Each structure stands twice: as structure tokens, then as C-alpha cells.
Amino acid sequence: MKPILKLYRGYANEQELIVMGHVFRPTSIEEYNFQKKNLKNATSVIKMFQIKTQANADVYLDYNGTKIHTKTLNDGYFKFCVPLDQNTSYGWINYQVNILHKGASIFTKESYIRPHKGNLGIISDIDDTFLVSHTMNPFKKLYVLLFKNINKRKIFDEVVSHYQALSTAGRENNDEKNAFFYVSSSEWNLYRFIIKFTELHKLPKAVLLLKDIKTSLKDFIFTAHGNHNHKFDKIKHILEFYPNLEYVLLGDDSQQDVFLYESIAKIFPVTVKAVYIRQTTTKQKEKVVAVLKNLESLDVATCYFKHSAEAIAHSKSIGIIE
């Protein structure tokens, strides 16, 4: 058996390229099968949290005619932050990484985005923002994750239309897309599932920034729970990495999104343009309403919506989309 190399979508600005992934120990566990149903789907999902990572593994990035060498961290994660060639083009660009096993190279390819010069970046949560996940009901959330395969998972009505409009907002050439990021408390274990779900529903291609990988059944039971500070750190990093963009932040009221976005807007008072919060309960939450009013006092446009049609209308009213 061979070790497994997983790459994730990376991103670049004018000076730096960032790409990342994991190396896993050799295993007989099959990858998650998107077509399995019911108990077989549950078995596949659980196996995603029984993987074993490889610490201190040698990893090589092919870039600009040279091989750049690093090693994985204790959890098998690796990240290359390298100076970018100024002649690099824009849009989605392929990259290649390899590891060595018994003298042979194992290659994997992915892509990174270097956004076309523009004025908009979009950062969205995942669970209960566009993917119906029942975060407020932990038992239902776990049931859906286990027993509903990717074809049975639901997406909110008209969210795709909103996200696609945001993706091309202000672009004369539809081939040029605004930078899109999905930042979530879901773990890297669910990366392939999220990518497949977004592709299935034709959501904009995006960079995913997820939570540290989990490798035990106990961790699986508490997936997407716990501290959300990592989301704040990752969103702050994005705004620092692309300081000349204006940002639209999308989340929901099931957890801490609105409070995280408020903190971000206070630190970046010039670049946060709008905040969208999906209402996941029958009534709007008073604390969320209060935070959004505070954001409006900072000249941030806000929308607390039940249906994506409301968010679309709001985006049109403030001139973000046509």
C-alpha cells in the first residue's frame, strides 16, 4: 500500500502563493463513495474520520521549474508559502505536488486562484448558509450527515443564483470571476464532500479553508462543534492577504457568524462592504438584529434574510449585482 497525498485549492496575490494539503499513512480504507445510500453511506462517512496522518513526511512542490521541499506537521498537514513569480497569469492555475514512497514519486495536481484585478471578494460559511445542515439540532445534523448521501443533501432555494451573481459582479468578461472563499468549522475530512456538493449544484469554484483534520470516532461525533476562533483567524488572513478588495460576508444565525463578522468589520472598516445572515429559526434573533444595526452604523450594508430571494433583492438595491 502507498501513502495518500491530498491537495486543496490554493490562492495567490501579487507577491505570494499559498498551497496546502495532507499526507496520510497507507490504508485499506476506501475513499468516501458519493453514491452509497443509508447504512453504506454512514459507513463511508465514518471511515473519513478513521484516517491516519503522516507526520514529517517529505513533500515537494513543482514551481517555476524548481522543486521546493517541505515536511508535514504533526497532523500530516503541509503548507507552502512561497514568493510568486510576477509573470504568473490570473484566474485558476494548476500546480503539482509529489511525495516519495520507496524511491518512487506519487504526484497529485490541484489548482490555485490568483484573482483578476477587481474590487470584490466573497467569503461564505457552509453549514446552514448554503448547505442545509440543521446545526441547531445536533442529532438531526448527525443523522443527515450519516444517512443522506450527497444526492439527497439539500441546498437553499435561489442561493446558487445569488452566489453566481456575486461571482461575476462587476466583471465585463464572464470568464473572470471574483475571489470566492468557503470558510467553515467543518474539518478537512469533509473537503471532498463539500467540493463535490458545490460542483453538483454549480456553486462558484472557491478556495476552502476548514478546521484541523480529525482522526477518531469521538472527533466525528463532535464534528463542526467547539471553538470557532479558527474561522475568525482565517477570515482575517484573507482580508490581510487581499487588502485592496471589498468584501461580502455570508453566514447564518445558527452559530457565531454574525459576531465574527462584526469583529472583522471593526478591524477592517474600509473593506467590509456587506454582511448577509440567513435566518434559520422561525423568528429573528434579537442579538443578531442588534449586531447588524451596529454594523450599519459602520456603513456596512446588512441583510437578515429567510429566503435567498431577499438577499438577491438587497444585493441589487445596493448595487453589488445587476
C-alpha atoms as a PDB file:
ATOM      1  CA  MET A   1       0.000   0.000   0.000  1.00  0.00           C
ATOM      2  CA  LYS A   2       1.062   3.569  -0.685  1.00  0.00           C
ATOM      3  CA  PRO A   3       0.689   6.738   1.378  1.00  0.00           C
ATOM      4  CA  ILE A   4      -2.041   9.099   0.197  1.00  0.00           C
ATOM      5  CA  LEU A   5      -1.401  12.674  -0.900  1.00  0.00           C
ATOM      6  CA  LYS A   6      -4.347  15.095  -0.799  1.00  0.00           C
ATOM      7  CA  LEU A   7      -4.141  18.607  -2.198  1.00  0.00           C
ATOM      8  CA  TYR A   8      -6.509  21.513  -1.633  1.00  0.00           C
ATOM      9  CA  ARG A   9      -7.231  24.576  -3.722  1.00  0.00           C
ATOM     10  CA  GLY A  10      -4.687  27.306  -3.086  1.00  0.00           C
ATOM     11  CA  TYR A  11      -4.565  31.056  -3.609  1.00  0.00           C
ATOM     12  CA  ALA A  12      -2.118  33.788  -4.578  1.00  0.00           C
ATOM     13  CA  ASN A  13      -1.806  37.558  -4.582  1.00  0.00           C
ATOM     14  CA  GLU A  14       0.777  39.734  -6.320  1.00  0.00           C
ATOM     15  CA  GLN A  15       3.646  38.563  -4.110  1.00  0.00           C
ATOM     16  CA  GLU A  16       2.900  35.135  -2.638  1.00  0.00           C
ATOM     17  CA  LEU A  17       1.500  31.705  -3.465  1.00  0.00           C
ATOM     18  CA  ILE A  18      -0.116  29.537  -0.777  1.00  0.00           C
ATOM     19  CA  VAL A  19      -0.959  25.867  -1.398  1.00  0.00           C
ATOM     20  CA  MET A  20      -1.656  23.128   1.136  1.00  0.00           C
ATOM     21  CA  GLY A  21      -2.674  19.532   1.694  1.00  0.00           C
ATOM     22  CA  HIS A  22      -2.329  16.422   3.846  1.00  0.00           C
ATOM     23  CA  VAL A  23      -0.314  13.225   3.690  1.00  0.00           C
ATOM     24  CA  PHE A  24      -1.971  10.084   5.070  1.00  0.00           C
ATOM     25  CA  ARG A  25      -0.475   6.766   6.036  1.00  0.00           C
ATOM     26  CA  PRO A  26      -1.090   3.772   3.756  1.00  0.00           C
ATOM     27  CA  THR A  27      -4.564   2.359   4.394  1.00  0.00           C
ATOM     28  CA  SER A  28      -7.004  -0.216   3.098  1.00  0.00           C
ATOM     29  CA  ILE A  29      -9.948   2.102   3.878  1.00  0.00           C
ATOM     30  CA  GLU A  30     -11.743   3.097   0.691  1.00  0.00           C
ATOM     31  CA  GLU A  31     -12.394   6.749  -0.072  1.00  0.00           C
ATOM     32  CA  TYR A  32     -15.869   8.120   0.563  1.00  0.00           C
ATOM     33  CA  ASN A  33     -18.251   6.817  -2.096  1.00  0.00           C
ATOM     34  CA  PHE A  34     -20.699   9.566  -3.043  1.00  0.00           C
ATOM     35  CA  GLN A  35     -23.269   7.140  -4.422  1.00  0.00           C
ATOM     36  CA  LYS A  36     -23.731   4.867  -1.413  1.00  0.00           C
ATOM     37  CA  LYS A  37     -27.024   5.076   0.467  1.00  0.00           C
ATOM     38  CA  ASN A  38     -28.297   4.755   4.034  1.00  0.00           C
ATOM     39  CA  LEU A  39     -26.104   2.478   6.178  1.00  0.00           C
ATOM     40  CA  LYS A  40     -23.454   2.167   3.465  1.00  0.00           C
ATOM     41  CA  ASN A  41     -23.257   5.949   3.284  1.00  0.00           C
ATOM     42  CA  ALA A  42     -22.927   6.107   7.076  1.00  0.00           C
ATOM     43  CA  THR A  43     -20.056   3.617   6.948  1.00  0.00           C
ATOM     44  CA  SER A  44     -18.312   5.692   4.282  1.00  0.00           C
ATOM     45  CA  VAL A  45     -18.702   8.890   6.289  1.00  0.00           C
ATOM     46  CA  ILE A  46     -17.359   7.326   9.488  1.00  0.00           C
ATOM     47  CA  LYS A  47     -14.340   5.984   7.614  1.00  0.00           C
ATOM     48  CA  MET A  48     -13.457   9.548   6.608  1.00  0.00           C
ATOM     49  CA  PHE A  49     -12.754  10.163  10.303  1.00  0.00           C
ATOM     50  CA  GLN A  50     -10.694   6.996  10.818  1.00  0.00           C
ATOM     51  CA  ILE A  51      -7.783   8.026   8.629  1.00  0.00           C
ATOM     52  CA  LYS A  52      -4.248   8.271   9.988  1.00  0.00           C
ATOM     53  CA  THR A  53      -1.997  11.149   9.047  1.00  0.00           C
ATOM     54  CA  GLN A  54       1.744  11.005   8.348  1.00  0.00           C
ATOM     55  CA  ALA A  55       3.932  13.384  10.351  1.00  0.00           C
ATOM     56  CA  ASN A  56       7.221  14.769   8.993  1.00  0.00           C
ATOM     57  CA  ALA A  57       6.661  13.355   5.504  1.00  0.00           C
ATOM     58  CA  ASP A  58       8.749  14.868   2.691  1.00  0.00           C
ATOM     59  CA  VAL A  59       6.635  16.913   0.260  1.00  0.00           C
ATOM     60  CA  TYR A  60       7.803  18.587  -2.959  1.00  0.00           C
ATOM     61  CA  LEU A  61       6.128  21.433  -4.864  1.00  0.00           C
ATOM     62  CA  ASP A  62       6.920  21.869  -8.562  1.00  0.00           C
ATOM     63  CA  TYR A  63       7.049  25.606  -9.137  1.00  0.00           C
ATOM     64  CA  ASN A  64       8.619  27.726 -11.846  1.00  0.00           C
ATOM     65  CA  GLY A  65      10.984  24.968 -12.940  1.00  0.00           C
ATOM     66  CA  THR A  66      12.231  24.116  -9.458  1.00  0.00           C
ATOM     67  CA  LYS A  67      11.265  21.698  -6.685  1.00  0.00           C
ATOM     68  CA  ILE A  68      10.530  23.252  -3.305  1.00  0.00           C
ATOM     69  CA  HIS A  69      10.840  20.870  -0.352  1.00  0.00           C
ATOM     70  CA  THR A  70       8.968  20.893   2.949  1.00  0.00           C
ATOM     71  CA  LYS A  71       7.753  18.357   5.535  1.00  0.00           C
ATOM     72  CA  THR A  72       4.329  17.722   7.031  1.00  0.00           C
ATOM     73  CA  LEU A  73       3.406  18.920  10.510  1.00  0.00           C
ATOM     74  CA  ASN A  74       2.425  16.519  13.307  1.00  0.00           C
ATOM     75  CA  ASP A  75      -1.134  16.183  11.929  1.00  0.00           C
ATOM     76  CA  GLY A  76       0.048  15.398   8.398  1.00  0.00           C
ATOM     77  CA  TYR A  77      -0.776  18.899   7.157  1.00  0.00           C
ATOM     78  CA  PHE A  78       1.598  20.819   4.933  1.00  0.00           C
ATOM     79  CA  LYS A  79       1.541  24.338   3.576  1.00  0.00           C
ATOM     80  CA  PHE A  80       3.790  26.066   1.065  1.00  0.00           C
ATOM     81  CA  CYS A  81       4.051  29.864   1.287  1.00  0.00           C
ATOM     82  CA  VAL A  82       6.416  30.903  -1.499  1.00  0.00           C
ATOM     83  CA  PRO A  83       7.299  34.164  -3.292  1.00  0.00           C
ATOM     84  CA  LEU A  84       5.308  34.444  -6.502  1.00  0.00           C
ATOM     85  CA  ASP A  85       6.734  34.981  -9.959  1.00  0.00           C
ATOM     86  CA  GLN A  86       5.414  38.363 -11.121  1.00  0.00           C
ATOM     87  CA  ASN A  87       4.805  36.919 -14.600  1.00  0.00           C
ATOM     88  CA  THR A  88       2.236  34.447 -13.284  1.00  0.00           C
ATOM     89  CA  SER A  89      -1.117  34.756 -15.038  1.00  0.00           C
ATOM     90  CA  TYR A  90      -4.508  35.331 -13.425  1.00  0.00           C
ATOM     91  CA  GLY A  91      -7.503  33.088 -12.787  1.00  0.00           C
ATOM     92  CA  TRP A  92      -7.314  29.429 -11.784  1.00  0.00           C
ATOM     93  CA  ILE A  93      -3.845  27.951 -12.329  1.00  0.00           C
ATOM     94  CA  ASN A  94      -2.774  24.311 -11.937  1.00  0.00           C
ATOM     95  CA  TYR A  95       0.000  23.242  -9.591  1.00  0.00           C
ATOM     96  CA  GLN A  96       1.647  19.889  -8.814  1.00  0.00           C
ATOM     97  CA  VAL A  97       2.997  18.305  -5.627  1.00  0.00           C
ATOM     98  CA  ASN A  98       4.629  14.943  -5.040  1.00  0.00           C
ATOM     99  CA  ILE A  99       5.764  12.689  -2.201  1.00  0.00           C
ATOM    100  CA  LEU A 100       8.223   9.808  -2.307  1.00  0.00           C
ATOM    101  CA  HIS A 101       7.449   6.185  -1.478  1.00  0.00           C
ATOM    102  CA  LYS A 102      10.136   3.507  -1.748  1.00  0.00           C
ATOM    103  CA  GLY A 103      12.056   5.590  -4.270  1.00  0.00           C
ATOM    104  CA  ALA A 104       9.037   6.303  -6.480  1.00  0.00           C
ATOM    105  CA  SER A 105       7.180   9.596  -6.753  1.00  0.00           C
ATOM    106  CA  ILE A 106       3.458   9.945  -6.119  1.00  0.00           C
ATOM    107  CA  PHE A 107       2.143  13.021  -7.958  1.00  0.00           C
ATOM    108  CA  THR A 108      -1.097  14.936  -7.430  1.00  0.00           C
ATOM    109  CA  LYS A 109      -2.395  18.064  -9.164  1.00  0.00           C
ATOM    110  CA  GLU A 110      -4.717  20.823  -7.963  1.00  0.00           C
ATOM    111  CA  SER A 111      -5.284  24.489  -8.758  1.00  0.00           C
ATOM    112  CA  TYR A 112      -4.904  27.846  -7.073  1.00  0.00           C
ATOM    113  CA  ILE A 113      -6.568  31.168  -7.787  1.00  0.00           C
ATOM    114  CA  ARG A 114      -4.830  34.430  -8.491  1.00  0.00           C
ATOM    115  CA  PRO A 115      -7.790  36.807  -8.785  1.00  0.00           C
ATOM    116  CA  HIS A 116      -8.112  39.119 -11.724  1.00  0.00           C
ATOM    117  CA  LYS A 117      -7.772  42.687 -10.579  1.00  0.00           C
ATOM    118  CA  GLY A 118     -11.176  43.783  -9.391  1.00  0.00           C
ATOM    119  CA  ASN A 119     -12.967  45.103  -6.391  1.00  0.00           C
ATOM    120  CA  LEU A 120     -14.915  42.258  -4.778  1.00  0.00           C
ATOM    121  CA  GLY A 121     -14.136  39.218  -2.642  1.00  0.00           C
ATOM    122  CA  ILE A 122     -16.807  36.889  -1.248  1.00  0.00           C
ATOM    123  CA  ILE A 123     -16.450  34.842   1.948  1.00  0.00           C
ATOM    124  CA  SER A 124     -19.201  32.371   2.827  1.00  0.00           C
ATOM    125  CA  ASP A 125     -19.889  29.911   5.604  1.00  0.00           C
ATOM    126  CA  ILE A 126     -21.166  26.478   4.502  1.00  0.00           C
ATOM    127  CA  ASP A 127     -23.464  24.727   7.011  1.00  0.00           C
ATOM    128  CA  ASP A 128     -26.933  26.314   7.028  1.00  0.00           C
ATOM    129  CA  THR A 129     -25.665  29.167   4.871  1.00  0.00           C
ATOM    130  CA  PHE A 130     -25.991  27.300   1.567  1.00  0.00           C
ATOM    131  CA  LEU A 131     -25.973  23.622   2.646  1.00  0.00           C
ATOM    132  CA  VAL A 132     -28.989  22.635   4.761  1.00  0.00           C
ATOM    133  CA  SER A 133     -27.309  21.057   7.816  1.00  0.00           C
ATOM    134  CA  HIS A 134     -29.637  21.508  10.841  1.00  0.00           C
ATOM    135  CA  THR A 135     -26.832  22.860  13.009  1.00  0.00           C
ATOM    136  CA  MET A 136     -29.276  23.831  15.764  1.00  0.00           C
ATOM    137  CA  ASN A 137     -30.360  20.201  16.110  1.00  0.00           C
ATOM    138  CA  PRO A 138     -27.187  18.134  16.670  1.00  0.00           C
ATOM    139  CA  PHE A 139     -28.952  14.762  16.401  1.00  0.00           C
ATOM    140  CA  LYS A 140     -30.651  15.668  13.130  1.00  0.00           C
ATOM    141  CA  LYS A 141     -27.404  17.130  11.821  1.00  0.00           C
ATOM    142  CA  LEU A 142     -25.600  13.861  12.580  1.00  0.00           C
ATOM    143  CA  TYR A 143     -28.435  11.788  11.078  1.00  0.00           C
ATOM    144  CA  VAL A 144     -28.396  13.771   7.831  1.00  0.00           C
ATOM    145  CA  LEU A 145     -24.612  13.574   7.579  1.00  0.00           C
ATOM    146  CA  LEU A 146     -24.658   9.816   8.098  1.00  0.00           C
ATOM    147  CA  PHE A 147     -27.702   8.652   6.174  1.00  0.00           C
ATOM    148  CA  LYS A 148     -28.197  11.188   3.371  1.00  0.00           C
ATOM    149  CA  ASN A 149     -25.713  10.837   0.555  1.00  0.00           C
ATOM    150  CA  ILE A 150     -24.608  13.800  -1.499  1.00  0.00           C
ATOM    151  CA  ASN A 151     -27.525  13.475  -3.928  1.00  0.00           C
ATOM    152  CA  LYS A 152     -30.015  13.658  -1.052  1.00  0.00           C
ATOM    153  CA  ARG A 153     -28.480  16.669   0.705  1.00  0.00           C
ATOM    154  CA  LYS A 154     -30.426  19.892   0.229  1.00  0.00           C
ATOM    155  CA  ILE A 155     -29.384  23.376  -0.795  1.00  0.00           C
ATOM    156  CA  PHE A 156     -31.389  26.514  -0.011  1.00  0.00           C
ATOM    157  CA  ASP A 157     -33.597  27.835  -2.815  1.00  0.00           C
ATOM    158  CA  GLU A 158     -32.021  30.510  -5.051  1.00  0.00           C
ATOM    159  CA  VAL A 159     -28.737  30.541  -3.164  1.00  0.00           C
ATOM    160  CA  VAL A 160     -26.966  29.402  -6.350  1.00  0.00           C
ATOM    161  CA  SER A 161     -28.377  32.353  -8.307  1.00  0.00           C
ATOM    162  CA  HIS A 162     -27.163  34.760  -5.626  1.00  0.00           C
ATOM    163  CA  TYR A 163     -23.678  33.260  -5.418  1.00  0.00           C
ATOM    164  CA  GLN A 164     -23.261  33.087  -9.194  1.00  0.00           C
ATOM    165  CA  ALA A 165     -24.292  36.753  -9.479  1.00  0.00           C
ATOM    166  CA  LEU A 166     -21.769  37.705  -6.786  1.00  0.00           C
ATOM    167  CA  SER A 167     -19.106  35.661  -8.552  1.00  0.00           C
ATOM    168  CA  THR A 168     -19.407  37.722 -11.754  1.00  0.00           C
ATOM    169  CA  ALA A 169     -20.378  41.079 -10.186  1.00  0.00           C
ATOM    170  CA  GLY A 170     -18.541  43.981 -11.792  1.00  0.00           C
ATOM    171  CA  ARG A 171     -16.948  41.746 -14.398  1.00  0.00           C
ATOM    172  CA  GLU A 172     -17.343  42.571 -18.077  1.00  0.00           C
ATOM    173  CA  ASN A 173     -15.796  39.240 -19.023  1.00  0.00           C
ATOM    174  CA  ASN A 174     -17.726  36.302 -17.549  1.00  0.00           C
ATOM    175  CA  ASP A 175     -14.544  34.206 -17.662  1.00  0.00           C
ATOM    176  CA  GLU A 176     -13.145  36.464 -14.938  1.00  0.00           C
ATOM    177  CA  LYS A 177     -14.550  35.604 -11.528  1.00  0.00           C
ATOM    178  CA  ASN A 178     -14.380  37.363  -8.193  1.00  0.00           C
ATOM    179  CA  ALA A 179     -12.371  35.599  -5.484  1.00  0.00           C
ATOM    180  CA  PHE A 180     -14.650  33.203  -3.565  1.00  0.00           C
ATOM    181  CA  PHE A 181     -13.833  31.531  -0.238  1.00  0.00           C
ATOM    182  CA  TYR A 182     -15.822  28.966   1.761  1.00  0.00           C
ATOM    183  CA  VAL A 183     -14.694  29.201   5.394  1.00  0.00           C
ATOM    184  CA  SER A 184     -16.242  26.663   7.741  1.00  0.00           C
ATOM    185  CA  SER A 185     -15.954  24.852  11.068  1.00  0.00           C
ATOM    186  CA  SER A 186     -16.241  21.592   9.156  1.00  0.00           C
ATOM    187  CA  GLU A 187     -12.994  19.635   9.209  1.00  0.00           C
ATOM    188  CA  TRP A 188     -10.671  18.876   6.305  1.00  0.00           C
ATOM    189  CA  ASN A 189     -12.099  15.327   6.416  1.00  0.00           C
ATOM    190  CA  LEU A 190     -15.172  16.674   4.605  1.00  0.00           C
ATOM    191  CA  TYR A 191     -13.238  18.518   1.876  1.00  0.00           C
ATOM    192  CA  ARG A 192     -14.100  16.133  -0.977  1.00  0.00           C
ATOM    193  CA  PHE A 193     -17.757  16.035   0.067  1.00  0.00           C
ATOM    194  CA  ILE A 194     -18.019  19.845   0.063  1.00  0.00           C
ATOM    195  CA  ILE A 195     -16.220  20.172  -3.285  1.00  0.00           C
ATOM    196  CA  LYS A 196     -18.490  17.567  -4.854  1.00  0.00           C
ATOM    197  CA  PHE A 197     -21.607  19.220  -3.414  1.00  0.00           C
ATOM    198  CA  THR A 198     -20.654  22.669  -4.734  1.00  0.00           C
ATOM    199  CA  GLU A 199     -19.876  21.217  -8.159  1.00  0.00           C
ATOM    200  CA  LEU A 200     -23.144  19.273  -8.220  1.00  0.00           C
ATOM    201  CA  HIS A 201     -25.149  22.448  -7.593  1.00  0.00           C
ATOM    202  CA  LYS A 202     -22.972  24.707  -9.771  1.00  0.00           C
ATOM    203  CA  LEU A 203     -21.897  26.977  -6.935  1.00  0.00           C
ATOM    204  CA  PRO A 204     -18.875  29.187  -7.699  1.00  0.00           C
ATOM    205  CA  LYS A 205     -15.493  27.496  -7.617  1.00  0.00           C
ATOM    206  CA  ALA A 206     -13.885  28.575  -4.351  1.00  0.00           C
ATOM    207  CA  VAL A 207     -10.944  28.107  -2.028  1.00  0.00           C
ATOM    208  CA  LEU A 208     -11.938  26.120   1.075  1.00  0.00           C
ATOM    209  CA  LEU A 209     -10.455  26.924   4.474  1.00  0.00           C
ATOM    210  CA  LEU A 210     -11.562  24.319   7.014  1.00  0.00           C
ATOM    211  CA  LYS A 211     -10.833  23.187  10.543  1.00  0.00           C
ATOM    212  CA  ASP A 212      -7.975  20.886  11.615  1.00  0.00           C
ATOM    213  CA  ILE A 213      -8.377  17.301  10.455  1.00  0.00           C
ATOM    214  CA  LYS A 214      -9.912  14.715  12.822  1.00  0.00           C
ATOM    215  CA  THR A 215      -8.784  11.106  13.089  1.00  0.00           C
ATOM    216  CA  SER A 216     -11.083   9.391  15.581  1.00  0.00           C
ATOM    217  CA  LEU A 217     -14.718   8.386  16.006  1.00  0.00           C
ATOM    218  CA  LYS A 218     -15.037  10.656  19.041  1.00  0.00           C
ATOM    219  CA  ASP A 219     -13.954  13.614  16.935  1.00  0.00           C
ATOM    220  CA  PHE A 220     -16.527  12.669  14.312  1.00  0.00           C
ATOM    221  CA  ILE A 221     -19.407  12.828  16.800  1.00  0.00           C
ATOM    222  CA  PHE A 222     -18.485  16.423  17.600  1.00  0.00           C
ATOM    223  CA  THR A 223     -17.773  17.474  14.010  1.00  0.00           C
ATOM    224  CA  ALA A 224     -18.187  21.216  13.302  1.00  0.00           C
ATOM    225  CA  HIS A 225     -18.642  21.960  17.018  1.00  0.00           C
ATOM    226  CA  GLY A 226     -16.381  23.696  19.502  1.00  0.00           C
ATOM    227  CA  ASN A 227     -14.373  26.874  19.193  1.00  0.00           C
ATOM    228  CA  HIS A 228     -14.889  28.981  16.072  1.00  0.00           C
ATOM    229  CA  ASN A 229     -11.815  31.173  16.538  1.00  0.00           C
ATOM    230  CA  HIS A 230     -10.166  29.445  13.584  1.00  0.00           C
ATOM    231  CA  LYS A 231     -12.824  30.981  11.318  1.00  0.00           C
ATOM    232  CA  PHE A 232     -12.027  34.446  12.607  1.00  0.00           C
ATOM    233  CA  ASP A 233      -8.298  33.849  12.044  1.00  0.00           C
ATOM    234  CA  LYS A 234      -8.817  32.555   8.515  1.00  0.00           C
ATOM    235  CA  ILE A 235     -11.168  35.382   7.502  1.00  0.00           C
ATOM    236  CA  LYS A 236      -8.780  37.956   8.961  1.00  0.00           C
ATOM    237  CA  HIS A 237      -5.967  36.334   6.983  1.00  0.00           C
ATOM    238  CA  ILE A 238      -7.921  36.583   3.720  1.00  0.00           C
ATOM    239  CA  LEU A 239      -8.611  40.300   4.201  1.00  0.00           C
ATOM    240  CA  GLU A 240      -4.949  40.904   5.020  1.00  0.00           C
ATOM    241  CA  PHE A 241      -3.832  38.822   2.032  1.00  0.00           C
ATOM    242  CA  TYR A 242      -6.065  40.755  -0.395  1.00  0.00           C
ATOM    243  CA  PRO A 243      -6.190  44.251   1.177  1.00  0.00           C
ATOM    244  CA  ASN A 244      -7.447  46.011  -1.959  1.00  0.00           C
ATOM    245  CA  LEU A 245     -10.694  44.062  -2.294  1.00  0.00           C
ATOM    246  CA  GLU A 246     -14.076  44.958  -0.854  1.00  0.00           C
ATOM    247  CA  TYR A 247     -15.773  42.031   0.849  1.00  0.00           C
ATOM    248  CA  VAL A 248     -19.198  40.472   1.062  1.00  0.00           C
ATOM    249  CA  LEU A 249     -19.538  38.139   4.068  1.00  0.00           C
ATOM    250  CA  LEU A 250     -22.283  35.493   4.109  1.00  0.00           C
ATOM    251  CA  GLY A 251     -23.305  33.352   7.071  1.00  0.00           C
ATOM    252  CA  ASP A 252     -26.247  32.269   9.198  1.00  0.00           C
ATOM    253  CA  ASP A 253     -27.599  32.765  12.703  1.00  0.00           C
ATOM    254  CA  SER A 254     -27.196  29.175  13.916  1.00  0.00           C
ATOM    255  CA  GLN A 255     -23.786  29.762  15.487  1.00  0.00           C
ATOM    256  CA  GLN A 256     -21.297  32.653  15.710  1.00  0.00           C
ATOM    257  CA  ASP A 257     -21.082  34.050  12.172  1.00  0.00           C
ATOM    258  CA  VAL A 258     -22.617  37.438  12.853  1.00  0.00           C
ATOM    259  CA  PHE A 259     -20.354  38.068  15.857  1.00  0.00           C
ATOM    260  CA  LEU A 260     -17.258  37.016  13.923  1.00  0.00           C
ATOM    261  CA  TYR A 261     -18.220  39.293  11.041  1.00  0.00           C
ATOM    262  CA  GLU A 262     -18.796  42.202  13.412  1.00  0.00           C
ATOM    263  CA  SER A 263     -15.273  41.794  14.791  1.00  0.00           C
ATOM    264  CA  ILE A 264     -13.856  41.589  11.269  1.00  0.00           C
ATOM    265  CA  ALA A 265     -15.702  44.760  10.212  1.00  0.00           C
ATOM    266  CA  LYS A 266     -14.333  46.636  13.228  1.00  0.00           C
ATOM    267  CA  ILE A 267     -10.770  45.695  12.263  1.00  0.00           C
ATOM    268  CA  PHE A 268     -11.289  46.338   8.530  1.00  0.00           C
ATOM    269  CA  PRO A 269     -13.672  49.334   8.459  1.00  0.00           C
ATOM    270  CA  VAL A 270     -12.859  50.210   4.851  1.00  0.00           C
ATOM    271  CA  THR A 271     -13.055  46.835   3.137  1.00  0.00           C
ATOM    272  CA  VAL A 272     -16.170  45.077   4.518  1.00  0.00           C
ATOM    273  CA  LYS A 273     -18.961  46.176   2.204  1.00  0.00           C
ATOM    274  CA  ALA A 274     -21.897  43.939   3.147  1.00  0.00           C
ATOM    275  CA  VAL A 275     -22.906  41.200   5.603  1.00  0.00           C
ATOM    276  CA  TYR A 276     -25.636  38.641   4.860  1.00  0.00           C
ATOM    277  CA  ILE A 277     -27.066  36.440   7.625  1.00  0.00           C
ATOM    278  CA  ARG A 278     -29.514  33.638   6.899  1.00  0.00           C
ATOM    279  CA  GLN A 279     -32.325  33.209   9.449  1.00  0.00           C
ATOM    280  CA  THR A 280     -32.514  29.540  10.450  1.00  0.00           C
ATOM    281  CA  THR A 281     -35.309  29.764  13.028  1.00  0.00           C
ATOM    282  CA  THR A 282     -38.938  30.908  12.844  1.00  0.00           C
ATOM    283  CA  LYS A 283     -38.139  34.278  14.407  1.00  0.00           C
ATOM    284  CA  GLN A 284     -35.239  36.648  14.019  1.00  0.00           C
ATOM    285  CA  LYS A 285     -32.824  36.638  16.950  1.00  0.00           C
ATOM    286  CA  GLU A 286     -32.641  39.879  18.905  1.00  0.00           C
ATOM    287  CA  LYS A 287     -28.879  39.625  19.434  1.00  0.00           C
ATOM    288  CA  VAL A 288     -28.331  39.185  15.692  1.00  0.00           C
ATOM    289  CA  VAL A 289     -30.554  42.181  14.896  1.00  0.00           C
ATOM    290  CA  ALA A 290     -28.583  44.288  17.385  1.00  0.00           C
ATOM    291  CA  VAL A 291     -25.234  43.325  15.857  1.00  0.00           C
ATOM    292  CA  LEU A 292     -26.463  44.084  12.342  1.00  0.00           C
ATOM    293  CA  LYS A 293     -27.665  47.531  13.457  1.00  0.00           C
ATOM    294  CA  ASN A 294     -24.220  48.150  14.914  1.00  0.00           C
ATOM    295  CA  LEU A 295     -22.648  47.103  11.617  1.00  0.00           C
ATOM    296  CA  GLU A 296     -24.875  49.548   9.762  1.00  0.00           C
ATOM    297  CA  SER A 297     -23.520  52.328  11.988  1.00  0.00           C
ATOM    298  CA  LEU A 298     -20.114  51.412  10.494  1.00  0.00           C
ATOM    299  CA  ASP A 299     -21.537  51.907   6.966  1.00  0.00           C
ATOM    300  CA  VAL A 300     -21.707  48.152   6.353  1.00  0.00           C
ATOM    301  CA  ALA A 301     -24.803  47.099   4.401  1.00  0.00           C
ATOM    302  CA  THR A 302     -26.636  44.236   6.124  1.00  0.00           C
ATOM    303  CA  CYS A 303     -29.386  41.786   5.266  1.00  0.00           C
ATOM    304  CA  TYR A 304     -31.012  39.348   7.707  1.00  0.00           C
ATOM    305  CA  PHE A 305     -32.993  37.076   5.410  1.00  0.00           C
ATOM    306  CA  LYS A 306     -35.069  33.919   5.475  1.00  0.00           C
ATOM    307  CA  HIS A 307     -35.031  33.281   1.718  1.00  0.00           C
ATOM    308  CA  SER A 308     -32.225  33.940  -0.737  1.00  0.00           C
ATOM    309  CA  ALA A 309     -34.596  35.946  -2.935  1.00  0.00           C
ATOM    310  CA  GLU A 310     -34.471  38.635  -0.230  1.00  0.00           C
ATOM    311  CA  ALA A 311     -30.666  38.596  -0.309  1.00  0.00           C
ATOM    312  CA  ILE A 312     -30.663  38.890  -4.102  1.00  0.00           C
ATOM    313  CA  ALA A 313     -33.033  41.868  -3.974  1.00  0.00           C
ATOM    314  CA  HIS A 314     -30.837  43.506  -1.329  1.00  0.00           C
ATOM    315  CA  SER A 315     -27.664  42.993  -3.384  1.00  0.00           C
ATOM    316  CA  LYS A 316     -29.364  44.618  -6.338  1.00  0.00           C
ATOM    317  CA  SER A 317     -30.614  47.531  -4.216  1.00  0.00           C
ATOM    318  CA  ILE A 318     -27.107  48.422  -3.013  1.00  0.00           C
ATOM    319  CA  GLY A 319     -25.559  47.927  -6.454  1.00  0.00           C
ATOM    320  CA  ILE A 320     -23.417  44.871  -5.778  1.00  0.00           C
ATOM    321  CA  ILE A 321     -25.110  42.853  -8.525  1.00  0.00           C
ATOM    322  CA  GLU A 322     -27.165  43.919 -11.510  1.00  0.00           C
END
